[in-house]
Protein backbone atom coordinates (compact mmCIF):
# COMPACT_ATOMS: atom_id res chain seq x y z
CA UNK A 1 -13.84 -26.81 -8.65
CA UNK A 2 -16.92 -25.51 -6.86
CA UNK A 3 -16.92 -22.68 -4.32
CA UNK A 4 -17.29 -24.90 -1.25
CA UNK A 5 -14.32 -27.03 -2.30
CA UNK A 6 -12.16 -23.95 -2.90
CA UNK A 7 -13.07 -22.51 0.51
CA UNK A 8 -12.38 -25.84 2.24
CA UNK A 9 -9.02 -26.13 0.47
CA UNK A 10 -8.03 -22.58 1.46
CA UNK A 11 -9.14 -23.11 5.08
CA UNK A 12 -7.18 -26.36 5.28
CA UNK A 13 -4.01 -24.68 3.96
CA UNK A 14 -4.43 -21.77 6.41
CA UNK A 15 -4.95 -24.18 9.32
CA UNK A 16 -1.84 -26.18 8.44
CA UNK A 17 0.22 -22.99 8.12
CA UNK A 18 -0.95 -21.78 11.56
CA UNK A 19 -0.14 -25.14 13.16
CA UNK A 20 3.31 -25.20 11.52
CA UNK A 21 4.05 -21.64 12.70
CA UNK A 22 2.93 -22.57 16.22
CA UNK A 23 5.15 -25.68 16.25
CA UNK A 24 8.12 -23.68 14.93
CA UNK A 25 7.66 -21.03 17.64
CA UNK A 26 7.50 -23.76 20.32
CA UNK A 27 10.67 -25.38 18.92
CA UNK A 28 12.50 -22.02 18.71
CA UNK A 29 11.57 -20.77 22.20
CA UNK A 30 11.46 -24.14 23.95
CA UNK A 31 8.14 -23.20 25.56
CA UNK A 32 4.61 -24.35 25.01
CA UNK A 33 2.66 -21.69 23.02
CA UNK A 34 0.06 -19.77 24.99
CA UNK A 35 -3.62 -20.04 24.28
CA UNK A 36 -5.62 -22.82 22.71
CA UNK A 37 -4.46 -24.36 19.43
CA UNK A 38 -6.16 -23.06 16.28
CA UNK A 39 -9.56 -24.56 15.63
CA UNK A 40 -9.74 -27.06 12.76
CA UNK A 41 -11.41 -25.87 9.54
CA UNK A 42 -15.19 -25.84 9.61
CA UNK A 43 -15.40 -27.41 6.16
CA UNK A 44 -18.20 -25.21 4.89
CA UNK A 45 -19.09 -21.71 3.77
CA UNK A 46 -20.47 -19.42 6.48
CA UNK A 47 -23.51 -17.25 5.72
CA UNK A 48 -21.37 -14.14 6.37
CA UNK A 49 -18.46 -15.24 4.16
CA UNK A 50 -17.92 -13.58 0.80
CA UNK A 51 -15.89 -14.80 -2.13
CA UNK A 52 -15.14 -13.25 -5.50
CA UNK A 53 -15.31 -15.86 -8.24
CA UNK A 54 -13.88 -13.64 -11.00
CA UNK A 55 -10.81 -12.27 -9.22
CA UNK A 56 -9.32 -14.18 -6.27
CA UNK A 57 -6.60 -11.60 -5.70
CA UNK A 58 -8.83 -8.56 -5.16
CA UNK A 59 -10.37 -7.78 -1.81
CA UNK A 60 -12.90 -5.47 -0.19
CA UNK A 61 -11.24 -2.11 0.49
CA UNK A 62 -12.36 1.30 1.72
CA UNK A 63 -12.74 3.82 -1.10
CA UNK A 64 -12.60 7.62 -1.29
CA UNK A 65 -15.91 9.22 -0.44
CA UNK A 66 -16.81 6.46 2.02
CA UNK A 67 -17.96 2.92 1.61
CA UNK A 68 -16.23 -0.25 0.42
CA UNK A 69 -15.69 -1.89 -2.95
CA UNK A 70 -14.11 -5.07 -4.28
CA UNK A 71 -10.87 -3.80 -5.80
CA UNK A 72 -7.08 -3.78 -6.01
CA UNK A 73 -4.59 -0.94 -5.61
CA UNK A 74 -2.40 -0.26 -8.64
CA UNK A 75 0.80 1.77 -8.87
CA UNK A 76 2.74 2.71 -11.99
CA UNK A 77 6.05 4.46 -12.34
CA UNK A 78 6.10 6.31 -15.68
CA UNK A 79 8.87 8.12 -17.56
CA UNK A 80 7.58 11.69 -18.01
CA UNK A 81 8.94 12.38 -21.49
CA UNK A 82 8.27 9.08 -23.24
CA UNK A 83 5.23 8.08 -21.11
CA UNK A 84 6.73 4.59 -20.92
CA UNK A 85 5.56 2.51 -17.98
CA UNK A 86 8.73 1.53 -16.11
CA UNK A 87 7.33 -0.37 -13.14
CA UNK A 88 3.70 -1.51 -12.81
CA UNK A 89 2.46 -3.12 -9.59
CA UNK A 90 -0.94 -4.31 -8.33
CA UNK A 91 -1.37 -4.89 -4.59
CA UNK A 92 -4.04 -5.63 -2.01
CA UNK A 93 -2.88 -2.78 0.23
CA UNK A 94 -5.60 -0.22 0.83
CA UNK A 95 -3.16 2.72 1.13
CA UNK A 96 -0.29 3.90 -1.08
CA UNK A 97 2.13 4.90 1.69
CA UNK A 98 4.03 1.59 1.79
CA UNK A 99 4.13 1.23 -2.00
CA UNK A 100 6.78 3.82 -2.93
CA UNK A 101 9.78 1.89 -1.61
CA UNK A 102 9.04 -1.25 -3.71
CA UNK A 103 8.65 1.00 -6.77
CA UNK A 104 12.04 2.63 -6.09
CA UNK A 105 13.59 -0.83 -5.75
CA UNK A 106 12.23 -1.75 -9.20
CA UNK A 107 13.77 1.42 -10.61
CA UNK A 108 17.34 0.67 -9.44
CA UNK A 109 18.46 -0.09 -13.01
CA UNK A 110 16.40 2.02 -15.47
CA UNK A 111 16.80 1.37 -19.21
CA UNK A 112 19.88 3.14 -20.67
CA UNK A 113 17.78 5.16 -23.13
CA UNK A 114 16.03 6.94 -20.22
CA UNK A 115 19.21 8.21 -18.60
CA UNK A 116 19.27 9.08 -14.91
CA UNK A 117 16.23 9.01 -12.64
CA UNK A 118 14.58 12.42 -12.38
CA UNK A 119 12.62 13.62 -9.35
CA UNK A 120 9.72 11.43 -8.30
CA UNK A 121 6.33 13.16 -8.40
CA UNK A 122 3.78 11.54 -6.07
CA UNK A 123 0.39 12.42 -4.61
CA UNK A 124 -0.36 12.88 -0.91
CA UNK A 125 -1.07 9.17 -0.43
CA UNK A 126 2.70 8.58 -0.48
CA UNK A 127 3.59 11.38 1.99
CA UNK A 128 5.72 10.05 4.83
CA UNK A 129 9.14 10.70 6.27
CA UNK A 130 10.11 7.10 5.50
CA UNK A 131 9.37 7.60 1.79
CA UNK A 132 11.36 10.85 1.71
CA UNK A 133 14.33 9.09 3.35
CA UNK A 134 14.08 6.19 0.86
CA UNK A 135 14.09 8.59 -2.10
CA UNK A 136 17.03 10.55 -0.69
CA UNK A 137 19.00 7.35 -0.02
CA UNK A 138 18.38 6.29 -3.65
CA UNK A 139 19.59 9.68 -4.89
CA UNK A 140 16.14 10.71 -6.12
CA UNK A 141 14.54 14.06 -5.30
CA UNK A 142 11.05 13.46 -3.83
CA UNK A 143 8.26 15.81 -4.90
CA UNK A 144 5.41 14.51 -2.74
CA UNK A 145 2.20 16.45 -2.09
CA UNK A 146 1.59 17.06 1.61
CA UNK A 147 -2.17 17.09 1.59
CA UNK A 148 -5.10 16.63 -0.69
CA UNK A 149 -6.68 19.87 -1.88
CA UNK A 150 -10.19 20.46 -3.10
CA UNK A 151 -10.46 20.63 -6.88
CA UNK A 152 -12.80 23.61 -7.12
CA UNK A 153 -12.19 26.22 -4.39
CA UNK A 154 -14.56 29.15 -4.14
CA UNK A 155 -13.26 32.54 -5.32
CA UNK A 156 -12.85 33.62 -1.70
CA UNK A 157 -10.70 30.59 -0.93
CA UNK A 158 -8.68 31.06 -4.11
CA UNK A 159 -7.86 34.73 -3.41
CA UNK A 160 -7.54 34.54 0.39
CA UNK A 161 -4.21 35.82 1.76
CA UNK A 162 -1.66 33.17 2.63
CA UNK A 163 -1.56 32.32 6.34
CA UNK A 164 1.34 33.91 8.24
CA UNK A 165 2.19 30.96 10.51
CA UNK A 166 2.87 27.35 9.73
CA UNK A 167 0.72 24.72 11.23
CA UNK A 168 2.46 22.05 13.32
CA UNK A 169 1.91 19.37 10.66
CA UNK A 170 3.78 21.45 8.09
CA UNK A 171 6.71 21.95 10.46
CA UNK A 172 6.97 18.19 10.89
CA UNK A 173 7.20 17.69 7.11
CA UNK A 174 9.78 20.45 6.83
CA UNK A 175 12.06 18.55 9.20
CA UNK A 176 11.70 15.49 6.97
CA UNK A 177 12.80 17.54 3.98
CA UNK A 178 9.47 17.83 2.15
CA UNK A 179 8.22 21.33 2.99
C-alpha cells in the first residue's frame, strides 16, 4: 500500500471515530453538539505532513539537550540480582512520569524465584507524589531521585558546604514521603 493510500485510510478512520463520538455525546446528553461537525478527510498528503515508513508507532518527541527526534520511550523493570527483565514497555509518551504505575501493575505477581518486590529505584523523570503513593499502596518502597544532577561538578561544587535551609521544592517532596 502506498503512502497516500495509508494516509487516506487513517484520515477516514479518524473522521469516522470523531463523528461516532459526536453522535454518542449527542445521544447521551440529548443536546446538539456545539461547533461545526468535523471536516471530511482531505484525501491527500499535505506538504507539511510527515510520516515514518519504517516505524508507524514512533513519533516526533522532544529530546534532552533540545530539539526533536523520531523515537519511542522505553521502560524496563529489572530484577537487580539476576538482571532479568521483568516488565518491558514501549510507549509514545514523551515523559516517564505516567509510566511507573503501569509498570507496578505488571509487577503484581512476580515470578516465585524472585521472592518479594524490593524497593523501586527510579530516576528523576518518575518523581511525583502520585508515583510515591502508588508505590506505597503496592507495598513497595520508592527510591526516586528528586532532581537531575550534573555528571561532572567542579571541585568547588563538589566540596561546597551543604546548604542550611531546604528549598520549598524539597519541602513539598518531603510531605509526599520522598525526601
